[in-house]
Amino acid sequence: MKKLLFFLLIFCIFSTENIYAKEIETFDRREENRYGIPDRYELTENRIKRALDIPYINSSSKVYDFSKLLEEEEEEQLKKYAQKLSSSQNNSIVVVTISDLNSNSPREYADDFFDYNEFGTDGIILLICLNSRDVYISTSGYGQIIFDEKRIDSILENITPKLSNQKYFEAIEYFLQEVENNLKQGPSHSMKHCNIINAYGDYRCKKEIPYLWILPTCFIISLFITWLCTRKYQKIRLATDAKIYLKKEEITLGKKIDKFLHTSTSRIPLPTNTSSNHGSKTHHGSSGSSHGGSGRKF
């Protein structure tokens, strides 16, 4: 009887282990491989230090469940979805779950995970940290233009309750579905005139000229000015003598002298704006790349 219970216990242990996803393959960050830092970044002491806090992984997987929140079948399903979506939309769609932030903020960890692995410059990453109960979405490159603040907040609003109820698969699946929908729709109205201007993902937006409002407004103003100008001349009579136009009692002749006294100059510094804020708040990560994003607790 004891032997039977022992074998049942062993069977249950191995069966339970097989339910969860396999270990994620990671690599060592060494000087020989530039610490896993992509070639577009110059190696600096700060970048190396920050990269060493981030796992160096195979960037083709796209879904990295370090916290074991998903069953193996669920992770494989989400991985295939994210890989297919990333390939078809030329953006890296990344999901990572972790247990500890390693003294980083959610924003710093998400930015660094994307930048210090080979995901390219364009994309979006969903970070779920179990211990601190943080969820954060970071965008990079063209991802900043597609996923403005409103779209990110909408995604977070819907996945946060699912994460709170430990429905991790549903939350991640919803995230991927919304990412796909937004990528197909293209930039929102507030971001459709924005373009990436350098290799670090900074973007600039052109202001849209409201032609539909300008023309009617100008026409109405012109009519109003014309009405004001012609209003006091409605009782004009035909003049028979030039003297009619003269009002002798109002005519005064005098000498007027303009005397220049002094001049003063005031200087007001113009504010500089290094990042656009057309619908999305941006910041720069430790790599120097531009990111958008937002997060909250679950």
Protein backbone atom coordinates (compact mmCIF):
# COMPACT_ATOMS: atom_id res chain seq x y z
CA MET A 1 0.00 0.00 0.00
CA LYS A 2 2.83 2.39 0.87
CA LYS A 3 4.56 1.57 -2.40
CA LEU A 4 1.38 2.30 -4.31
CA LEU A 5 1.00 5.67 -2.61
CA PHE A 6 4.65 6.44 -3.29
CA PHE A 7 4.31 5.73 -7.02
CA LEU A 8 1.09 7.77 -7.17
CA LEU A 9 2.88 10.68 -5.53
CA ILE A 10 5.77 10.45 -8.01
CA PHE A 11 3.30 10.28 -10.90
CA CYS A 12 1.44 13.35 -9.68
CA ILE A 13 4.66 15.33 -9.31
CA PHE A 14 5.82 14.56 -12.85
CA SER A 15 2.34 15.13 -14.25
CA THR A 16 2.17 18.54 -12.56
CA GLU A 17 5.58 19.54 -13.88
CA ASN A 18 4.52 18.65 -17.40
CA ILE A 19 1.52 20.95 -17.16
CA TYR A 20 3.65 24.06 -16.93
CA ALA A 21 5.78 25.55 -19.64
CA LYS A 22 9.34 24.41 -20.20
CA GLU A 23 12.28 26.36 -18.89
CA ILE A 24 13.10 29.40 -21.01
CA GLU A 25 16.53 29.22 -22.60
CA THR A 26 18.74 32.12 -21.57
CA PHE A 27 22.30 33.07 -22.49
CA ASP A 28 25.17 34.66 -20.62
CA ARG A 29 25.91 38.31 -21.24
CA ARG A 30 29.66 38.44 -21.81
CA GLU A 31 32.14 40.85 -23.31
CA GLU A 32 32.58 38.49 -26.26
CA ASN A 33 28.93 38.90 -27.29
CA ARG A 34 28.75 42.61 -26.37
CA TYR A 35 26.74 41.61 -23.30
CA GLY A 36 23.86 40.84 -25.65
CA ILE A 37 23.44 44.54 -26.41
CA PRO A 38 22.38 45.16 -30.05
CA ASP A 39 24.96 46.71 -32.37
CA ARG A 40 22.97 49.94 -32.79
CA TYR A 41 23.92 50.91 -29.23
CA GLU A 42 27.38 52.00 -28.22
CA LEU A 43 28.72 50.06 -25.26
CA THR A 44 28.77 52.27 -22.17
CA GLU A 45 29.19 51.42 -18.52
CA ASN A 46 25.58 52.30 -17.72
CA ARG A 47 24.15 50.28 -20.61
CA ILE A 48 26.21 47.24 -19.66
CA LYS A 49 25.09 47.53 -16.04
CA ARG A 50 21.45 47.79 -17.00
CA ALA A 51 21.68 44.97 -19.55
CA LEU A 52 23.08 42.60 -16.91
CA ASP A 53 19.82 42.99 -14.96
CA ILE A 54 17.81 41.70 -17.93
CA PRO A 55 17.67 38.08 -19.18
CA TYR A 56 19.38 37.52 -22.52
CA ILE A 57 16.95 35.37 -24.48
CA ASN A 58 16.13 34.06 -27.94
CA SER A 59 14.21 36.99 -29.41
CA SER A 60 12.21 34.82 -31.81
CA SER A 61 10.00 33.31 -29.08
CA LYS A 62 8.15 36.58 -28.23
CA VAL A 63 6.42 35.11 -25.11
CA TYR A 64 8.55 34.56 -21.97
CA ASP A 65 6.71 33.17 -18.95
CA PHE A 66 9.43 33.29 -16.29
CA SER A 67 6.81 33.34 -13.50
CA LYS A 68 5.13 30.12 -14.69
CA LEU A 69 1.71 31.71 -14.92
CA LEU A 70 0.75 29.71 -18.01
CA GLU A 71 0.36 26.05 -18.78
CA GLU A 72 2.61 24.69 -21.50
CA GLU A 73 -0.22 24.45 -24.02
CA GLU A 74 -1.33 28.00 -23.26
CA GLU A 75 2.18 29.39 -23.67
CA GLU A 76 2.66 27.61 -26.98
CA GLN A 77 -0.65 28.96 -28.27
CA LEU A 78 0.20 32.53 -27.27
CA LYS A 79 3.74 32.18 -28.59
CA LYS A 80 2.52 31.15 -32.05
CA TYR A 81 0.02 34.01 -32.07
CA ALA A 82 2.66 36.60 -31.10
CA GLN A 83 5.21 35.23 -33.58
CA LYS A 84 2.73 35.28 -36.45
CA LEU A 85 1.55 38.76 -35.55
CA SER A 86 5.10 40.10 -35.23
CA SER A 87 6.09 38.66 -38.58
CA SER A 88 3.05 39.90 -40.49
CA GLN A 89 3.08 43.42 -39.03
CA ASN A 90 6.86 44.05 -38.96
CA ASN A 91 6.66 44.91 -35.26
CA SER A 92 7.92 42.86 -32.33
CA ILE A 93 4.99 41.90 -30.09
CA VAL A 94 6.50 40.73 -26.80
CA VAL A 95 5.04 39.36 -23.56
CA VAL A 96 7.12 38.71 -20.44
CA THR A 97 6.10 37.60 -16.96
CA ILE A 98 8.56 37.88 -14.09
CA SER A 99 8.53 37.49 -10.32
CA ASP A 100 10.94 40.29 -9.37
CA LEU A 101 11.92 43.62 -10.95
CA ASN A 102 15.54 43.51 -9.66
CA SER A 103 15.26 47.00 -8.10
CA ASN A 104 13.98 48.44 -11.38
CA SER A 105 10.70 50.21 -11.95
CA PRO A 106 8.20 48.42 -14.24
CA ARG A 107 8.88 51.02 -16.93
CA GLU A 108 12.65 50.58 -16.72
CA TYR A 109 12.42 46.79 -16.83
CA ALA A 110 10.04 46.75 -19.80
CA ASP A 111 12.12 49.27 -21.76
CA ASP A 112 15.40 47.48 -21.06
CA PHE A 113 14.00 44.03 -21.83
CA PHE A 114 12.95 45.26 -25.26
CA ASP A 115 16.09 47.30 -25.98
CA TYR A 116 18.75 44.87 -24.72
CA ASN A 117 17.44 41.90 -26.67
CA GLU A 118 17.26 41.60 -30.45
CA PHE A 119 13.67 42.72 -30.97
CA GLY A 120 14.52 45.55 -33.35
CA THR A 121 13.38 49.14 -33.01
CA ASP A 122 9.60 48.87 -33.57
CA GLY A 123 7.13 47.11 -31.31
CA ILE A 124 5.29 46.78 -28.03
CA ILE A 125 5.90 44.76 -24.87
CA LEU A 126 3.55 43.66 -22.09
CA LEU A 127 5.26 43.17 -18.71
CA ILE A 128 3.55 41.35 -15.82
CA CYS A 129 5.36 41.27 -12.48
CA LEU A 130 3.77 38.85 -10.01
CA ASN A 131 5.36 39.90 -6.70
CA SER A 132 4.78 43.64 -7.05
CA ARG A 133 1.43 43.16 -8.88
CA ASP A 134 2.52 45.48 -11.69
CA VAL A 135 1.42 45.43 -15.30
CA TYR A 136 3.15 47.74 -17.76
CA ILE A 137 2.98 48.30 -21.52
CA SER A 138 5.98 49.86 -23.26
CA THR A 139 6.08 50.91 -26.91
CA SER A 140 9.11 51.50 -29.10
CA GLY A 141 9.74 53.09 -32.49
CA TYR A 142 6.71 52.85 -34.75
CA GLY A 143 4.84 51.22 -31.86
CA GLN A 144 4.68 54.66 -30.22
CA ILE A 145 2.73 56.00 -33.19
CA ILE A 146 0.29 53.09 -33.37
CA PHE A 147 -0.33 52.74 -29.63
CA ASP A 148 -1.05 56.20 -28.29
CA GLU A 149 -1.95 56.87 -24.68
CA LYS A 150 -5.66 56.35 -25.24
CA ARG A 151 -5.19 52.92 -26.81
CA ILE A 152 -2.76 51.77 -24.12
CA ASP A 153 -5.09 52.88 -21.33
CA SER A 154 -7.97 51.03 -23.01
CA ILE A 155 -5.95 47.79 -23.11
CA LEU A 156 -4.87 48.16 -19.48
CA GLU A 157 -8.44 48.91 -18.41
CA ASN A 158 -9.57 45.57 -19.83
CA ILE A 159 -6.70 43.26 -18.85
CA THR A 160 -6.20 44.49 -15.27
CA PRO A 161 -9.37 42.82 -13.91
CA LYS A 162 -8.40 39.58 -15.64
CA LEU A 163 -4.95 39.65 -14.04
CA SER A 164 -6.48 40.40 -10.64
CA ASN A 165 -8.62 37.27 -11.03
CA GLN A 166 -5.54 35.24 -12.08
CA LYS A 167 -6.91 34.80 -15.61
CA TYR A 168 -3.46 35.29 -17.09
CA PHE A 169 -4.07 33.48 -20.37
CA GLU A 170 -7.23 35.52 -21.07
CA ALA A 171 -5.43 38.77 -20.25
CA ILE A 172 -2.49 38.06 -22.56
CA GLU A 173 -4.74 36.78 -25.34
CA TYR A 174 -6.84 39.96 -25.12
CA PHE A 175 -3.65 42.05 -25.27
CA LEU A 176 -2.53 40.30 -28.46
CA GLN A 177 -5.97 40.66 -30.04
CA GLU A 178 -6.09 44.40 -29.33
CA VAL A 179 -2.55 44.81 -30.64
CA GLU A 180 -3.57 43.10 -33.87
CA ASN A 181 -6.69 45.26 -34.24
CA ASN A 182 -4.76 48.49 -33.64
CA LEU A 183 -1.99 47.55 -36.05
CA LYS A 184 -4.56 46.85 -38.77
CA GLN A 185 -6.32 50.16 -38.09
CA GLY A 186 -3.09 52.11 -38.29
CA PRO A 187 -2.31 55.33 -36.39
CA SER A 188 -5.14 57.06 -34.57
CA HIS A 189 -6.34 60.50 -35.65
CA SER A 190 -4.01 62.24 -33.19
CA MET A 191 -0.93 60.37 -34.49
CA LYS A 192 -1.55 59.98 -38.25
CA HIS A 193 0.77 62.89 -39.12
CA CYS A 194 3.68 61.56 -37.01
CA ASN A 195 6.88 60.02 -38.40
CA ILE A 196 10.00 58.43 -36.92
CA ILE A 197 12.96 60.77 -37.41
CA ASN A 198 15.99 58.81 -36.17
CA ALA A 199 17.35 55.38 -35.21
CA TYR A 200 16.40 55.87 -31.56
CA GLY A 201 12.70 55.96 -32.35
CA ASP A 202 12.10 59.67 -31.73
CA TYR A 203 9.18 60.97 -33.75
CA ARG A 204 7.82 64.29 -34.92
CA CYS A 205 4.23 65.24 -35.69
CA LYS A 206 2.99 67.79 -38.19
CA LYS A 207 0.07 69.94 -37.15
CA GLU A 208 -2.99 69.39 -39.29
CA ILE A 209 -4.40 72.58 -40.82
CA PRO A 210 -8.20 72.66 -40.33
CA TYR A 211 -9.13 73.82 -43.85
CA LEU A 212 -12.79 72.93 -43.37
CA TRP A 213 -13.05 75.48 -40.56
CA ILE A 214 -10.76 78.17 -41.95
CA LEU A 215 -12.71 78.94 -45.15
CA PRO A 216 -16.19 79.32 -43.58
CA THR A 217 -14.74 81.32 -40.69
CA CYS A 218 -12.95 83.73 -43.02
CA PHE A 219 -16.11 84.15 -45.09
CA ILE A 220 -18.24 84.97 -42.03
CA ILE A 221 -15.65 87.44 -40.70
CA SER A 222 -15.48 89.16 -44.09
CA LEU A 223 -19.24 89.55 -44.19
CA PHE A 224 -19.29 91.00 -40.69
CA ILE A 225 -16.56 93.56 -41.46
CA THR A 226 -18.32 94.57 -44.69
CA TRP A 227 -21.57 95.07 -42.81
CA LEU A 228 -19.87 97.28 -40.22
CA CYS A 229 -18.20 99.40 -42.89
CA THR A 230 -21.36 99.98 -44.95
CA ARG A 231 -23.77 100.43 -42.06
CA LYS A 232 -23.10 104.19 -41.49
CA TYR A 233 -23.23 105.04 -45.19
CA GLN A 234 -26.76 103.84 -45.83
CA LYS A 235 -28.19 107.49 -46.15
CA ILE A 236 -25.67 108.85 -48.64
CA ARG A 237 -27.08 111.58 -50.94
CA LEU A 238 -25.73 112.78 -54.23
CA ALA A 239 -23.34 115.73 -53.69
CA THR A 240 -23.62 118.82 -55.95
CA ASP A 241 -20.69 120.80 -54.52
CA ALA A 242 -17.30 119.84 -53.11
CA LYS A 243 -17.87 122.19 -50.14
CA ILE A 244 -20.45 119.77 -48.79
CA TYR A 245 -17.63 117.47 -47.72
CA LEU A 246 -15.96 120.17 -45.66
CA LYS A 247 -16.76 120.95 -42.02
CA LYS A 248 -14.96 124.22 -41.47
CA GLU A 249 -15.61 124.31 -37.75
CA GLU A 250 -13.67 121.07 -37.34
CA ILE A 251 -10.65 122.11 -39.37
CA THR A 252 -7.62 123.13 -37.27
CA LEU A 253 -4.15 123.74 -38.53
CA GLY A 254 -1.26 123.20 -36.22
CA LYS A 255 2.26 121.90 -35.93
CA LYS A 256 2.97 118.46 -34.59
CA ILE A 257 6.38 117.28 -33.56
CA ASP A 258 7.22 113.66 -32.71
CA LYS A 259 10.10 113.48 -30.22
CA PHE A 260 11.91 110.15 -29.71
CA LEU A 261 12.44 109.69 -25.99
CA HIS A 262 13.78 106.21 -25.26
CA THR A 263 13.61 102.55 -26.20
CA SER A 264 13.45 99.37 -24.15
CA THR A 265 14.06 95.76 -25.08
CA SER A 266 12.77 92.71 -23.25
CA ARG A 267 13.78 89.10 -23.93
CA ILE A 268 11.62 86.07 -23.25
CA PRO A 269 13.27 82.64 -23.61
CA LEU A 270 11.37 80.28 -25.89
CA PRO A 271 10.64 76.87 -24.36
CA THR A 272 12.23 73.88 -26.06
CA ASN A 273 10.37 70.66 -26.59
CA THR A 274 12.47 67.62 -27.44
CA SER A 275 9.63 65.13 -27.64
CA SER A 276 6.23 65.21 -29.23
CA ASN A 277 3.13 64.82 -27.12
CA HIS A 278 0.46 64.32 -29.75
CA GLY A 279 -1.57 61.71 -27.93
CA SER A 280 1.28 59.80 -26.34
CA LYS A 281 3.67 60.50 -23.46
CA THR A 282 7.24 59.62 -24.38
CA HIS A 283 10.47 59.10 -22.47
CA HIS A 284 13.95 57.71 -23.13
CA GLY A 285 15.18 54.46 -21.65
CA SER A 286 18.70 53.74 -20.42
CA SER A 287 19.67 52.75 -23.97
CA GLY A 288 18.72 56.18 -25.27
CA SER A 289 15.78 54.90 -27.30
CA SER A 290 12.43 56.63 -27.18
CA HIS A 291 9.49 54.80 -25.59
CA GLY A 292 5.84 55.38 -24.86
CA GLY A 293 3.78 53.46 -22.38
CA SER A 294 1.81 53.27 -19.18
CA GLY A 295 1.09 50.85 -16.36
CA ARG A 296 -0.85 50.17 -13.18
CA LYS A 297 -1.32 47.71 -10.31
CA PHE A 298 -3.54 44.64 -10.56
